[in-house]
Amino acid sequence: MTVPSPILATAFMLATAAILAMRATIVAANRKSMVKVRSRQRHPANTKTQG
């Protein structure tokens, strides 16, 4: 089975776009989780200095 080159190119472009979109969502999720971890670490320090 031979696949015509335009169809093959389109499939490759779609696969690349999907991979980039997944990578972008993963990076965004990692940034959100890092912010949550940092805020959790700051709170105990603030309560110790206030108490």
N, C-alpha and C. Protein backbone atom coordinates (compact mmCIF):
# COMPACT_ATOMS: atom_id res chain seq x y z
N MET A 1 0.84 -1.19 0.00
CA MET A 1 0.00 0.00 0.00
C MET A 1 0.88 1.25 0.00
N THR A 2 0.75 2.01 -1.05
CA THR A 2 1.49 3.27 -1.10
C THR A 2 0.55 4.42 -0.78
N VAL A 3 1.01 5.33 0.05
CA VAL A 3 0.21 6.48 0.44
C VAL A 3 0.65 7.68 -0.37
N PRO A 4 -0.26 8.39 -1.01
CA PRO A 4 0.14 9.59 -1.75
C PRO A 4 0.82 10.60 -0.84
N SER A 5 1.80 11.31 -1.36
CA SER A 5 2.58 12.21 -0.54
C SER A 5 1.76 13.33 0.09
N PRO A 6 0.75 13.93 -0.56
CA PRO A 6 -0.03 14.97 0.14
C PRO A 6 -0.75 14.44 1.37
N ILE A 7 -1.30 13.24 1.29
CA ILE A 7 -1.98 12.66 2.45
C ILE A 7 -0.96 12.36 3.55
N LEU A 8 0.19 11.85 3.16
CA LEU A 8 1.23 11.55 4.14
C LEU A 8 1.71 12.83 4.82
N ALA A 9 1.90 13.88 4.05
CA ALA A 9 2.35 15.15 4.62
C ALA A 9 1.30 15.72 5.57
N THR A 10 0.03 15.61 5.18
CA THR A 10 -1.03 16.12 6.04
C THR A 10 -1.09 15.34 7.35
N ALA A 11 -0.96 14.03 7.27
CA ALA A 11 -0.98 13.21 8.47
C ALA A 11 0.20 13.56 9.38
N PHE A 12 1.35 13.79 8.79
CA PHE A 12 2.52 14.16 9.57
C PHE A 12 2.34 15.50 10.26
N MET A 13 1.75 16.46 9.54
CA MET A 13 1.50 17.78 10.12
C MET A 13 0.51 17.68 11.26
N LEU A 14 -0.54 16.89 11.09
CA LEU A 14 -1.54 16.73 12.15
C LEU A 14 -0.91 16.08 13.38
N ALA A 15 -0.07 15.08 13.16
CA ALA A 15 0.58 14.41 14.29
C ALA A 15 1.50 15.38 15.03
N THR A 16 2.24 16.18 14.28
CA THR A 16 3.13 17.15 14.90
C THR A 16 2.35 18.18 15.70
N ALA A 17 1.25 18.65 15.14
CA ALA A 17 0.42 19.64 15.85
C ALA A 17 -0.15 19.04 17.13
N ALA A 18 -0.56 17.78 17.08
CA ALA A 18 -1.12 17.13 18.26
C ALA A 18 -0.05 16.98 19.34
N ILE A 19 1.14 16.62 18.95
CA ILE A 19 2.23 16.46 19.93
C ILE A 19 2.56 17.80 20.58
N LEU A 20 2.63 18.85 19.77
CA LEU A 20 2.93 20.17 20.32
C LEU A 20 1.83 20.64 21.26
N ALA A 21 0.58 20.37 20.92
CA ALA A 21 -0.53 20.77 21.78
C ALA A 21 -0.47 20.02 23.11
N MET A 22 -0.18 18.74 23.07
CA MET A 22 -0.07 17.96 24.30
C MET A 22 1.08 18.48 25.15
N ARG A 23 2.21 18.79 24.51
CA ARG A 23 3.35 19.30 25.26
C ARG A 23 3.01 20.63 25.92
N ALA A 24 2.27 21.49 25.21
CA ALA A 24 1.90 22.79 25.77
C ALA A 24 1.00 22.61 26.99
N THR A 25 0.05 21.68 26.91
CA THR A 25 -0.84 21.47 28.05
C THR A 25 -0.07 20.89 29.24
N ILE A 26 0.89 20.03 28.97
CA ILE A 26 1.69 19.45 30.06
C ILE A 26 2.52 20.54 30.73
N VAL A 27 3.12 21.42 29.94
CA VAL A 27 3.92 22.50 30.50
C VAL A 27 3.05 23.42 31.34
N ALA A 28 1.85 23.72 30.85
CA ALA A 28 0.94 24.60 31.60
C ALA A 28 0.53 23.94 32.92
N ALA A 29 0.27 22.63 32.88
CA ALA A 29 -0.12 21.93 34.10
C ALA A 29 1.05 21.91 35.09
N ASN A 30 2.26 21.73 34.60
CA ASN A 30 3.43 21.72 35.49
C ASN A 30 3.63 23.09 36.13
N ARG A 31 3.39 24.15 35.40
CA ARG A 31 3.56 25.48 35.97
C ARG A 31 2.54 25.71 37.07
N LYS A 32 1.30 25.29 36.85
CA LYS A 32 0.27 25.47 37.87
C LYS A 32 0.62 24.68 39.13
N SER A 33 1.10 23.46 38.96
CA SER A 33 1.42 22.64 40.13
C SER A 33 2.62 23.22 40.87
N MET A 34 3.58 23.78 40.13
CA MET A 34 4.73 24.38 40.79
C MET A 34 4.31 25.60 41.60
N VAL A 35 3.39 26.38 41.08
CA VAL A 35 2.91 27.54 41.83
C VAL A 35 2.20 27.09 43.08
N LYS A 36 1.42 26.04 43.00
CA LYS A 36 0.72 25.54 44.17
C LYS A 36 1.71 25.06 45.23
N VAL A 37 2.74 24.36 44.82
CA VAL A 37 3.73 23.85 45.78
C VAL A 37 4.45 25.01 46.44
N ARG A 38 4.80 26.04 45.66
CA ARG A 38 5.51 27.18 46.24
C ARG A 38 4.63 27.91 47.24
N SER A 39 3.36 28.07 46.92
CA SER A 39 2.47 28.77 47.84
C SER A 39 2.27 27.96 49.11
N ARG A 40 2.24 26.65 49.00
CA ARG A 40 2.11 25.82 50.19
C ARG A 40 3.35 25.91 51.07
N GLN A 41 4.51 26.04 50.47
CA GLN A 41 5.73 26.13 51.25
C GLN A 41 5.84 27.49 51.94
N ARG A 42 5.30 28.52 51.35
CA ARG A 42 5.42 29.86 51.94
C ARG A 42 4.49 30.03 53.15
N HIS A 43 3.33 29.37 53.13
CA HIS A 43 2.37 29.58 54.20
C HIS A 43 2.88 29.16 55.58
N PRO A 44 3.49 28.00 55.72
CA PRO A 44 3.99 27.64 57.07
C PRO A 44 5.06 28.65 57.57
N ALA A 45 5.87 29.15 56.69
CA ALA A 45 6.89 30.11 57.10
C ALA A 45 6.22 31.40 57.56
N ASN A 46 5.16 31.80 56.90
CA ASN A 46 4.47 33.04 57.31
C ASN A 46 3.79 32.83 58.66
N THR A 47 3.20 31.68 58.89
CA THR A 47 2.52 31.46 60.16
C THR A 47 3.53 31.38 61.30
N LYS A 48 4.72 30.85 61.04
CA LYS A 48 5.73 30.77 62.11
C LYS A 48 6.20 32.17 62.48
N THR A 49 6.40 33.02 61.50
CA THR A 49 6.90 34.36 61.81
C THR A 49 5.80 35.18 62.49
N GLN A 50 4.56 34.96 62.14
CA GLN A 50 3.46 35.72 62.76
C GLN A 50 3.20 35.19 64.19
N GLY A 51 3.34 33.88 64.39
CA GLY A 51 3.03 33.33 65.70
C GLY A 51 4.16 33.53 66.66
